[in-house]
């Protein structure tokens, strides 16, 4: 069961230009029922290299480390790109991520 807030290792290759690439942890940000029903999921990549600059990059805790959720790199990926479940973000971190996404996507 793929739930909103789950973190999976995702193979983001091939990528083009400035898109985040390689295999990296990504958080599922789509609604849980949609994640289960569709063959694609919407993810936000996590990065240890990106500097935290809200709303583009939001600080979250992943496996005891402070990492950046890269909100402006949100993308839909086929489930075949998901490799293994690697954790889950807290309610507080998901709330901060939601705020960042609302600003990046200009949602009310």
C-alpha atoms as a PDB file:
ATOM      1  CA  UNK A   1       0.000   0.000   0.000  1.00  0.00           C
ATOM      2  CA  UNK A   2       1.547   3.275  -1.127  1.00  0.00           C
ATOM      3  CA  UNK A   3       0.569   6.037   1.280  1.00  0.00           C
ATOM      4  CA  UNK A   4       0.971   9.773   1.114  1.00  0.00           C
ATOM      5  CA  UNK A   5       4.118  10.692   3.065  1.00  0.00           C
ATOM      6  CA  UNK A   6       5.901   7.417   2.319  1.00  0.00           C
ATOM      7  CA  UNK A   7       9.497   7.801   1.158  1.00  0.00           C
ATOM      8  CA  UNK A   8      10.685   5.455  -1.600  1.00  0.00           C
ATOM      9  CA  UNK A   9      13.982   5.150  -3.398  1.00  0.00           C
ATOM     10  CA  UNK A  10      13.132   6.188  -6.957  1.00  0.00           C
ATOM     11  CA  UNK A  11      15.168   5.859 -10.153  1.00  0.00           C
ATOM     12  CA  UNK A  12      14.797   9.320 -11.716  1.00  0.00           C
ATOM     13  CA  UNK A  13      16.957   8.568 -14.776  1.00  0.00           C
ATOM     14  CA  UNK A  14      16.849   9.452 -17.559  1.00  0.00           C
ATOM     15  CA  UNK A  15      16.560  13.136 -16.828  1.00  0.00           C
ATOM     16  CA  UNK A  16      17.130  16.225 -18.936  1.00  0.00           C
ATOM     17  CA  UNK A  17      18.754  19.563 -18.260  1.00  0.00           C
ATOM     18  CA  UNK A  18      18.355  20.726 -14.677  1.00  0.00           C
ATOM     19  CA  UNK A  19      16.036  17.916 -13.557  1.00  0.00           C
ATOM     20  CA  UNK A  20      17.150  15.980 -10.488  1.00  0.00           C
ATOM     21  CA  UNK A  21      18.607  12.666 -11.590  1.00  0.00           C
ATOM     22  CA  UNK A  22      19.903   9.315 -10.327  1.00  0.00           C
ATOM     23  CA  UNK A  23      18.288   7.124  -7.682  1.00  0.00           C
ATOM     24  CA  UNK A  24      17.265   9.099  -4.637  1.00  0.00           C
ATOM     25  CA  UNK A  25      14.639   9.070  -1.909  1.00  0.00           C
ATOM     26  CA  UNK A  26      11.378  10.744  -2.889  1.00  0.00           C
ATOM     27  CA  UNK A  27       8.270  11.417  -0.839  1.00  0.00           C
ATOM     28  CA  UNK A  28       4.834  10.517  -2.189  1.00  0.00           C
ATOM     29  CA  UNK A  29       2.698  13.671  -2.137  1.00  0.00           C
ATOM     30  CA  UNK A  30      -0.408  12.467  -3.978  1.00  0.00           C
ATOM     31  CA  UNK A  31      -3.540  11.316  -2.172  1.00  0.00           C
ATOM     32  CA  UNK A  32      -3.325   7.722  -0.907  1.00  0.00           C
ATOM     33  CA  UNK A  33      -6.392   6.477  -2.885  1.00  0.00           C
ATOM     34  CA  UNK A  34      -4.924   7.920  -6.090  1.00  0.00           C
ATOM     35  CA  UNK A  35      -1.506   6.370  -5.334  1.00  0.00           C
ATOM     36  CA  UNK A  36      -3.208   2.998  -5.073  1.00  0.00           C
ATOM     37  CA  UNK A  37      -5.453   3.371  -8.125  1.00  0.00           C
ATOM     38  CA  UNK A  38      -3.056   4.817 -10.715  1.00  0.00           C
ATOM     39  CA  UNK A  39       0.075   3.415 -12.348  1.00  0.00           C
ATOM     40  CA  UNK A  40       1.880   6.662 -11.585  1.00  0.00           C
ATOM     41  CA  UNK A  41       2.554   8.526  -8.344  1.00  0.00           C
ATOM     42  CA  UNK A  42       3.452  12.160  -7.693  1.00  0.00           C
ATOM     43  CA  UNK A  43       6.734  12.588  -5.819  1.00  0.00           C
ATOM     44  CA  UNK A  44       9.027  15.272  -4.445  1.00  0.00           C
ATOM     45  CA  UNK A  45      12.727  14.331  -4.390  1.00  0.00           C
ATOM     46  CA  UNK A  46      14.831  14.641  -1.238  1.00  0.00           C
ATOM     47  CA  UNK A  47      18.389  15.947  -1.361  1.00  0.00           C
ATOM     48  CA  UNK A  48      21.270  16.277   1.070  1.00  0.00           C
ATOM     49  CA  UNK A  49      23.080  18.639  -1.303  1.00  0.00           C
ATOM     50  CA  UNK A  50      20.353  21.242  -1.846  1.00  0.00           C
ATOM     51  CA  UNK A  51      20.337  24.294   0.393  1.00  0.00           C
ATOM     52  CA  UNK A  52      17.122  24.944   2.281  1.00  0.00           C
ATOM     53  CA  UNK A  53      15.440  27.941   0.638  1.00  0.00           C
ATOM     54  CA  UNK A  54      11.693  27.956   1.283  1.00  0.00           C
ATOM     55  CA  UNK A  55       9.437  27.573  -0.572  1.00  0.00           C
ATOM     56  CA  UNK A  56      11.597  25.916  -3.267  1.00  0.00           C
ATOM     57  CA  UNK A  57      13.376  23.615  -0.834  1.00  0.00           C
ATOM     58  CA  UNK A  58      11.896  22.692   2.533  1.00  0.00           C
ATOM     59  CA  UNK A  59      13.781  21.231   5.491  1.00  0.00           C
ATOM     60  CA  UNK A  60      12.474  17.801   6.563  1.00  0.00           C
ATOM     61  CA  UNK A  61      13.762  15.032   8.813  1.00  0.00           C
ATOM     62  CA  UNK A  62      14.528  11.787   6.996  1.00  0.00           C
ATOM     63  CA  UNK A  63      16.096   8.902   8.907  1.00  0.00           C
ATOM     64  CA  UNK A  64      17.406  11.272  11.557  1.00  0.00           C
ATOM     65  CA  UNK A  65      19.030  13.610   9.016  1.00  0.00           C
ATOM     66  CA  UNK A  66      17.995  17.101   8.050  1.00  0.00           C
ATOM     67  CA  UNK A  67      17.457  17.004   4.267  1.00  0.00           C
ATOM     68  CA  UNK A  68      15.785  19.234   1.684  1.00  0.00           C
ATOM     69  CA  UNK A  69      12.529  18.365  -0.049  1.00  0.00           C
ATOM     70  CA  UNK A  70      12.904  19.967  -3.480  1.00  0.00           C
ATOM     71  CA  UNK A  71       9.385  21.301  -4.088  1.00  0.00           C
ATOM     72  CA  UNK A  72      10.079  22.788  -7.518  1.00  0.00           C
ATOM     73  CA  UNK A  73      11.108  19.321  -8.798  1.00  0.00           C
ATOM     74  CA  UNK A  74       7.696  17.723  -8.178  1.00  0.00           C
ATOM     75  CA  UNK A  75       6.927  15.094 -10.805  1.00  0.00           C
ATOM     76  CA  UNK A  76       4.785  12.135 -11.706  1.00  0.00           C
ATOM     77  CA  UNK A  77       6.663   8.854 -12.083  1.00  0.00           C
ATOM     78  CA  UNK A  78       5.628   5.387 -13.140  1.00  0.00           C
ATOM     79  CA  UNK A  79       5.478   2.974 -10.212  1.00  0.00           C
ATOM     80  CA  UNK A  80       8.112   0.826 -11.936  1.00  0.00           C
ATOM     81  CA  UNK A  81      10.649   3.544 -10.978  1.00  0.00           C
ATOM     82  CA  UNK A  82       9.995   2.938  -7.255  1.00  0.00           C
ATOM     83  CA  UNK A  83      12.605   0.597  -5.813  1.00  0.00           C
ATOM     84  CA  UNK A  84      11.937   0.128  -2.111  1.00  0.00           C
ATOM     85  CA  UNK A  85      10.151   1.757   0.789  1.00  0.00           C
ATOM     86  CA  UNK A  86      12.660   3.805   2.760  1.00  0.00           C
ATOM     87  CA  UNK A  87      10.623   5.503   5.467  1.00  0.00           C
ATOM     88  CA  UNK A  88       7.821   7.957   6.111  1.00  0.00           C
ATOM     89  CA  UNK A  89       7.750  11.701   6.801  1.00  0.00           C
ATOM     90  CA  UNK A  90       6.150  12.969   9.998  1.00  0.00           C
ATOM     91  CA  UNK A  91       2.860  14.854   9.981  1.00  0.00           C
ATOM     92  CA  UNK A  92       4.773  18.038  10.833  1.00  0.00           C
ATOM     93  CA  UNK A  93       7.196  17.594   7.915  1.00  0.00           C
ATOM     94  CA  UNK A  94       4.320  16.810   5.525  1.00  0.00           C
ATOM     95  CA  UNK A  95       2.581  19.989   6.651  1.00  0.00           C
ATOM     96  CA  UNK A  96       5.731  22.032   5.916  1.00  0.00           C
ATOM     97  CA  UNK A  97       6.072  20.290   2.547  1.00  0.00           C
ATOM     98  CA  UNK A  98       2.417  21.030   1.751  1.00  0.00           C
ATOM     99  CA  UNK A  99       3.013  24.712   2.533  1.00  0.00           C
ATOM    100  CA  UNK A 100       6.013  24.764   0.196  1.00  0.00           C
ATOM    101  CA  UNK A 101       4.062  23.061  -2.591  1.00  0.00           C
ATOM    102  CA  UNK A 102       1.153  25.491  -2.189  1.00  0.00           C
ATOM    103  CA  UNK A 103       3.552  28.406  -2.663  1.00  0.00           C
ATOM    104  CA  UNK A 104       5.482  26.871  -5.568  1.00  0.00           C
ATOM    105  CA  UNK A 105       2.260  25.882  -7.364  1.00  0.00           C
ATOM    106  CA  UNK A 106       0.435  29.094  -6.350  1.00  0.00           C
ATOM    107  CA  UNK A 107      -2.437  27.232  -4.693  1.00  0.00           C
ATOM    108  CA  UNK A 108      -4.668  28.781  -2.047  1.00  0.00           C
END
